[in-house]
Structure formats: C-alpha cells, structure tokens
Amino acid sequence: MSIYVGNLSYEVTEADLSSVFAEYGSVKRIQLPTDRETGRVRGFGFVEMGTDAEESAAIDALDGAEWMGRDLKVSKAKPREDRGSFGGGRRNSSFSRSY
C-alpha cells in the first residue's frame, strides 16, 4: 500500500519528501508526478514505506501538518481507477444524434 500526499509545494523534491517521511520509518519509494507540458511537480505525490505500521504513523502525524508553507493532505492511496485507453468517458453514454 502507499500513501497519498496532497497539497505539496511545487518546489518539493523527492529528497525533501523522503526526509520528512523517514522520521516515521523506512521509505521504500517516492513518486512525484510532473506536468507533461511544463515538467513541474503537480502538487501531489505518493510514498511507500516499509510497513503498514510506519505508514499509519506517518499519516497520523503528517495529515494536516504545515510544511513548506502548505497544509498537507496525507492519507492511504486509493487504487488507481482504470479509465480505459480513450479519454472523454463517452463509451457507454446514451448520446444520440438527430438528423
């Protein structure tokens, strides 16, 4: 399982995030998604820790905490939804045309 970290500063680095979460246990992996066009961090990330107990301790301590001028949103990450290979989500819609 991994931890979702939201409301991050756009200046945050993987090293910054790792150092904060390391206070609560071993950090296995950090992911900071970036914007495709600008390359800038998108303001959220994911942290994987060594054990569920370490993840719970980090969530309890850091959710709502102020860091780098922002109030963090920290929770268990939800599984990614399959959005399919087509954008727009109209595959099963009842859209009809009139001619």
N, C-alpha and C. Protein backbone atom coordinates (compact mmCIF):
# COMPACT_ATOMS: atom_id res chain seq x y z
N MET A 1 0.86 -1.18 0.00
CA MET A 1 0.00 0.00 0.00
C MET A 1 0.90 1.23 0.00
N SER A 2 0.38 2.31 -0.52
CA SER A 2 1.17 3.54 -0.48
C SER A 2 0.34 4.67 0.10
N ILE A 3 1.03 5.76 0.35
CA ILE A 3 0.43 6.95 0.97
C ILE A 3 0.30 8.03 -0.09
N TYR A 4 -0.88 8.67 -0.13
CA TYR A 4 -1.11 9.83 -0.98
C TYR A 4 -0.73 11.07 -0.19
N VAL A 5 0.02 11.96 -0.79
CA VAL A 5 0.40 13.22 -0.15
C VAL A 5 -0.03 14.35 -1.07
N GLY A 6 -1.01 15.13 -0.64
CA GLY A 6 -1.53 16.21 -1.46
C GLY A 6 -1.22 17.58 -0.90
N ASN A 7 -1.47 18.58 -1.72
CA ASN A 7 -1.24 19.99 -1.40
C ASN A 7 0.24 20.27 -1.17
N LEU A 8 1.09 19.61 -1.97
CA LEU A 8 2.53 19.83 -1.87
C LEU A 8 2.93 21.11 -2.58
N SER A 9 4.01 21.69 -2.10
CA SER A 9 4.60 22.84 -2.78
C SER A 9 5.11 22.38 -4.14
N TYR A 10 5.05 23.25 -5.13
CA TYR A 10 5.56 22.92 -6.45
C TYR A 10 7.09 22.88 -6.47
N GLU A 11 7.71 23.29 -5.38
CA GLU A 11 9.18 23.30 -5.26
C GLU A 11 9.72 22.02 -4.61
N VAL A 12 8.84 21.12 -4.16
CA VAL A 12 9.27 19.93 -3.42
C VAL A 12 10.08 18.99 -4.32
N THR A 13 11.03 18.30 -3.69
CA THR A 13 11.82 17.29 -4.39
C THR A 13 11.60 15.93 -3.72
N GLU A 14 12.01 14.87 -4.39
CA GLU A 14 11.90 13.53 -3.80
C GLU A 14 12.71 13.47 -2.51
N ALA A 15 13.87 14.10 -2.48
CA ALA A 15 14.72 14.11 -1.28
C ALA A 15 14.01 14.81 -0.12
N ASP A 16 13.33 15.93 -0.39
CA ASP A 16 12.58 16.64 0.65
C ASP A 16 11.54 15.72 1.27
N LEU A 17 10.74 15.10 0.41
CA LEU A 17 9.65 14.25 0.87
C LEU A 17 10.19 13.04 1.62
N SER A 18 11.25 12.46 1.11
CA SER A 18 11.85 11.29 1.75
C SER A 18 12.34 11.63 3.16
N SER A 19 12.96 12.79 3.33
CA SER A 19 13.49 13.16 4.65
C SER A 19 12.37 13.35 5.67
N VAL A 20 11.24 13.88 5.25
CA VAL A 20 10.12 14.07 6.18
C VAL A 20 9.52 12.73 6.59
N PHE A 21 9.30 11.86 5.62
CA PHE A 21 8.67 10.57 5.92
C PHE A 21 9.64 9.61 6.62
N ALA A 22 10.94 9.78 6.45
CA ALA A 22 11.93 8.91 7.09
C ALA A 22 11.88 9.01 8.61
N GLU A 23 11.32 10.10 9.12
CA GLU A 23 11.16 10.24 10.57
C GLU A 23 10.20 9.20 11.15
N TYR A 24 9.40 8.58 10.28
CA TYR A 24 8.38 7.63 10.74
C TYR A 24 8.67 6.20 10.31
N GLY A 25 9.81 5.97 9.66
CA GLY A 25 10.19 4.62 9.25
C GLY A 25 10.98 4.63 7.96
N SER A 26 11.12 3.44 7.38
CA SER A 26 11.91 3.32 6.16
C SER A 26 11.07 3.67 4.93
N VAL A 27 11.61 4.54 4.11
CA VAL A 27 10.94 4.96 2.88
C VAL A 27 11.45 4.07 1.75
N LYS A 28 10.52 3.34 1.12
CA LYS A 28 10.91 2.43 0.04
C LYS A 28 10.90 3.12 -1.32
N ARG A 29 9.91 4.02 -1.53
CA ARG A 29 9.79 4.65 -2.84
C ARG A 29 9.02 5.96 -2.73
N ILE A 30 9.40 6.92 -3.56
CA ILE A 30 8.72 8.22 -3.67
C ILE A 30 8.35 8.41 -5.14
N GLN A 31 7.12 8.87 -5.38
CA GLN A 31 6.70 9.24 -6.74
C GLN A 31 6.14 10.65 -6.70
N LEU A 32 6.67 11.51 -7.55
CA LEU A 32 6.17 12.88 -7.69
C LEU A 32 5.79 13.09 -9.15
N PRO A 33 4.52 12.90 -9.49
CA PRO A 33 4.10 13.12 -10.88
C PRO A 33 4.37 14.55 -11.33
N THR A 34 4.77 14.69 -12.59
CA THR A 34 5.03 16.01 -13.14
C THR A 34 4.10 16.30 -14.31
N ASP A 35 3.87 17.57 -14.55
CA ASP A 35 3.05 18.00 -15.67
C ASP A 35 3.79 17.70 -16.97
N ARG A 36 3.09 17.13 -17.94
CA ARG A 36 3.72 16.77 -19.22
C ARG A 36 4.27 17.97 -19.98
N GLU A 37 3.57 19.07 -19.92
CA GLU A 37 3.97 20.23 -20.71
C GLU A 37 5.04 21.07 -20.03
N THR A 38 4.91 21.29 -18.71
CA THR A 38 5.84 22.18 -18.03
C THR A 38 6.96 21.45 -17.30
N GLY A 39 6.76 20.17 -16.99
CA GLY A 39 7.75 19.42 -16.24
C GLY A 39 7.72 19.72 -14.75
N ARG A 40 6.81 20.59 -14.34
CA ARG A 40 6.69 20.99 -12.93
C ARG A 40 5.94 19.93 -12.14
N VAL A 41 6.33 19.75 -10.87
CA VAL A 41 5.62 18.84 -9.97
C VAL A 41 4.16 19.26 -9.92
N ARG A 42 3.24 18.27 -9.90
CA ARG A 42 1.81 18.56 -9.98
C ARG A 42 1.15 18.88 -8.64
N GLY A 43 1.90 18.88 -7.55
CA GLY A 43 1.33 19.26 -6.26
C GLY A 43 0.85 18.10 -5.43
N PHE A 44 1.15 16.87 -5.86
CA PHE A 44 0.83 15.69 -5.05
C PHE A 44 1.87 14.63 -5.34
N GLY A 45 1.90 13.61 -4.48
CA GLY A 45 2.86 12.53 -4.67
C GLY A 45 2.43 11.30 -3.91
N PHE A 46 3.25 10.28 -4.00
CA PHE A 46 2.99 9.01 -3.33
C PHE A 46 4.26 8.55 -2.63
N VAL A 47 4.08 7.99 -1.44
CA VAL A 47 5.20 7.50 -0.65
C VAL A 47 4.89 6.06 -0.25
N GLU A 48 5.85 5.16 -0.46
CA GLU A 48 5.73 3.79 0.02
C GLU A 48 6.71 3.62 1.16
N MET A 49 6.21 3.03 2.26
CA MET A 49 7.06 2.82 3.42
C MET A 49 7.21 1.33 3.68
N GLY A 50 8.12 0.97 4.59
CA GLY A 50 8.45 -0.42 4.84
C GLY A 50 7.32 -1.27 5.39
N THR A 51 6.51 -0.71 6.30
CA THR A 51 5.44 -1.49 6.92
C THR A 51 4.15 -0.67 7.01
N ASP A 52 3.05 -1.37 7.21
CA ASP A 52 1.76 -0.69 7.40
C ASP A 52 1.79 0.18 8.65
N ALA A 53 2.47 -0.28 9.70
CA ALA A 53 2.56 0.50 10.94
C ALA A 53 3.28 1.82 10.71
N GLU A 54 4.36 1.79 9.91
CA GLU A 54 5.08 3.02 9.59
C GLU A 54 4.21 3.96 8.77
N GLU A 55 3.46 3.41 7.82
CA GLU A 55 2.56 4.24 7.02
C GLU A 55 1.51 4.89 7.90
N SER A 56 0.92 4.12 8.81
CA SER A 56 -0.11 4.67 9.70
C SER A 56 0.46 5.77 10.58
N ALA A 57 1.67 5.57 11.10
CA ALA A 57 2.29 6.59 11.95
C ALA A 57 2.53 7.87 11.17
N ALA A 58 3.00 7.75 9.93
CA ALA A 58 3.25 8.93 9.09
C ALA A 58 1.95 9.65 8.76
N ILE A 59 0.91 8.89 8.42
CA ILE A 59 -0.39 9.50 8.10
C ILE A 59 -0.93 10.26 9.30
N ASP A 60 -0.91 9.61 10.47
CA ASP A 60 -1.43 10.24 11.69
C ASP A 60 -0.67 11.52 12.03
N ALA A 61 0.64 11.50 11.85
CA ALA A 61 1.46 12.65 12.23
C ALA A 61 1.42 13.79 11.21
N LEU A 62 1.32 13.44 9.92
CA LEU A 62 1.51 14.47 8.90
C LEU A 62 0.23 15.01 8.26
N ASP A 63 -0.89 14.30 8.39
CA ASP A 63 -2.12 14.81 7.78
C ASP A 63 -2.53 16.10 8.46
N GLY A 64 -2.61 17.17 7.69
CA GLY A 64 -2.98 18.48 8.21
C GLY A 64 -1.79 19.29 8.71
N ALA A 65 -0.60 18.69 8.74
CA ALA A 65 0.59 19.40 9.21
C ALA A 65 1.01 20.45 8.17
N GLU A 66 1.56 21.56 8.67
CA GLU A 66 2.04 22.60 7.77
C GLU A 66 3.49 22.31 7.41
N TRP A 67 3.79 22.29 6.11
CA TRP A 67 5.13 22.00 5.63
C TRP A 67 5.37 22.77 4.34
N MET A 68 6.47 23.46 4.26
CA MET A 68 6.81 24.29 3.10
C MET A 68 5.69 25.28 2.77
N GLY A 69 5.06 25.82 3.81
CA GLY A 69 4.02 26.82 3.64
C GLY A 69 2.66 26.29 3.23
N ARG A 70 2.47 24.98 3.31
CA ARG A 70 1.18 24.39 2.90
C ARG A 70 0.71 23.38 3.94
N ASP A 71 -0.60 23.23 4.06
CA ASP A 71 -1.19 22.21 4.94
C ASP A 71 -1.31 20.92 4.15
N LEU A 72 -0.55 19.91 4.54
CA LEU A 72 -0.53 18.64 3.81
C LEU A 72 -1.83 17.86 3.95
N LYS A 73 -2.18 17.15 2.91
CA LYS A 73 -3.29 16.19 2.92
C LYS A 73 -2.63 14.83 2.77
N VAL A 74 -2.67 14.02 3.81
CA VAL A 74 -1.97 12.73 3.80
C VAL A 74 -2.97 11.63 4.15
N SER A 75 -3.05 10.62 3.27
CA SER A 75 -3.98 9.51 3.51
C SER A 75 -3.50 8.27 2.76
N LYS A 76 -4.15 7.15 3.05
CA LYS A 76 -3.85 5.94 2.28
C LYS A 76 -4.23 6.20 0.83
N ALA A 77 -3.37 5.79 -0.08
CA ALA A 77 -3.65 5.97 -1.50
C ALA A 77 -4.75 5.01 -1.92
N LYS A 78 -5.65 5.50 -2.76
CA LYS A 78 -6.71 4.65 -3.30
C LYS A 78 -6.20 4.00 -4.58
N PRO A 79 -6.66 2.79 -4.86
CA PRO A 79 -6.23 2.14 -6.12
C PRO A 79 -6.60 3.01 -7.31
N ARG A 80 -5.73 3.02 -8.29
CA ARG A 80 -5.97 3.81 -9.49
C ARG A 80 -7.12 3.21 -10.28
N GLU A 81 -8.04 4.06 -10.70
CA GLU A 81 -9.18 3.59 -11.50
C GLU A 81 -8.75 3.42 -12.94
N ASP A 82 -9.24 2.37 -13.57
CA ASP A 82 -8.96 2.15 -14.99
C ASP A 82 -9.85 3.07 -15.79
N ARG A 83 -9.24 4.04 -16.45
CA ARG A 83 -10.01 5.00 -17.24
C ARG A 83 -10.13 4.56 -18.70
N GLY A 84 -9.58 3.41 -19.02
CA GLY A 84 -9.63 2.96 -20.41
C GLY A 84 -8.60 3.68 -21.25
N SER A 85 -8.50 3.31 -22.50
CA SER A 85 -7.49 3.92 -23.36
C SER A 85 -8.00 5.14 -24.10
N PHE A 86 -9.26 5.45 -23.97
CA PHE A 86 -9.83 6.62 -24.64
C PHE A 86 -10.25 7.64 -23.61
N GLY A 87 -9.95 8.90 -23.84
CA GLY A 87 -10.39 9.96 -22.94
C GLY A 87 -11.83 10.32 -23.21
N GLY A 88 -12.41 11.10 -22.35
CA GLY A 88 -13.76 11.60 -22.60
C GLY A 88 -14.86 10.81 -21.92
N GLY A 89 -14.68 9.53 -21.73
CA GLY A 89 -15.65 8.74 -20.98
C GLY A 89 -17.01 8.61 -21.62
N ARG A 90 -17.13 8.65 -22.93
CA ARG A 90 -18.44 8.58 -23.58
C ARG A 90 -18.74 7.20 -24.16
N ARG A 91 -17.94 6.21 -23.84
CA ARG A 91 -18.11 4.89 -24.44
C ARG A 91 -19.51 4.31 -24.22
N ASN A 92 -20.02 4.46 -23.02
CA ASN A 92 -21.30 3.84 -22.70
C ASN A 92 -22.40 4.88 -22.50
N SER A 93 -22.22 6.04 -23.06
CA SER A 93 -23.23 7.08 -22.85
C SER A 93 -24.42 6.86 -23.76
N SER A 94 -25.49 7.51 -23.43
CA SER A 94 -26.70 7.38 -24.24
C SER A 94 -26.82 8.56 -25.20
N PHE A 95 -25.70 9.06 -25.65
CA PHE A 95 -25.66 10.17 -26.59
C PHE A 95 -26.26 9.75 -27.92
N SER A 96 -27.17 10.53 -28.39
CA SER A 96 -27.79 10.19 -29.70
C SER A 96 -27.82 11.44 -30.57
N ARG A 97 -27.82 11.20 -31.85
CA ARG A 97 -27.89 12.31 -32.81
C ARG A 97 -29.25 12.32 -33.47
N SER A 98 -29.69 13.48 -33.82
CA SER A 98 -30.92 13.54 -34.62
C SER A 98 -30.57 14.17 -35.95
N TYR A 99 -31.05 13.57 -37.00
CA TYR A 99 -30.75 14.05 -38.36
C TYR A 99 -31.93 14.68 -39.00
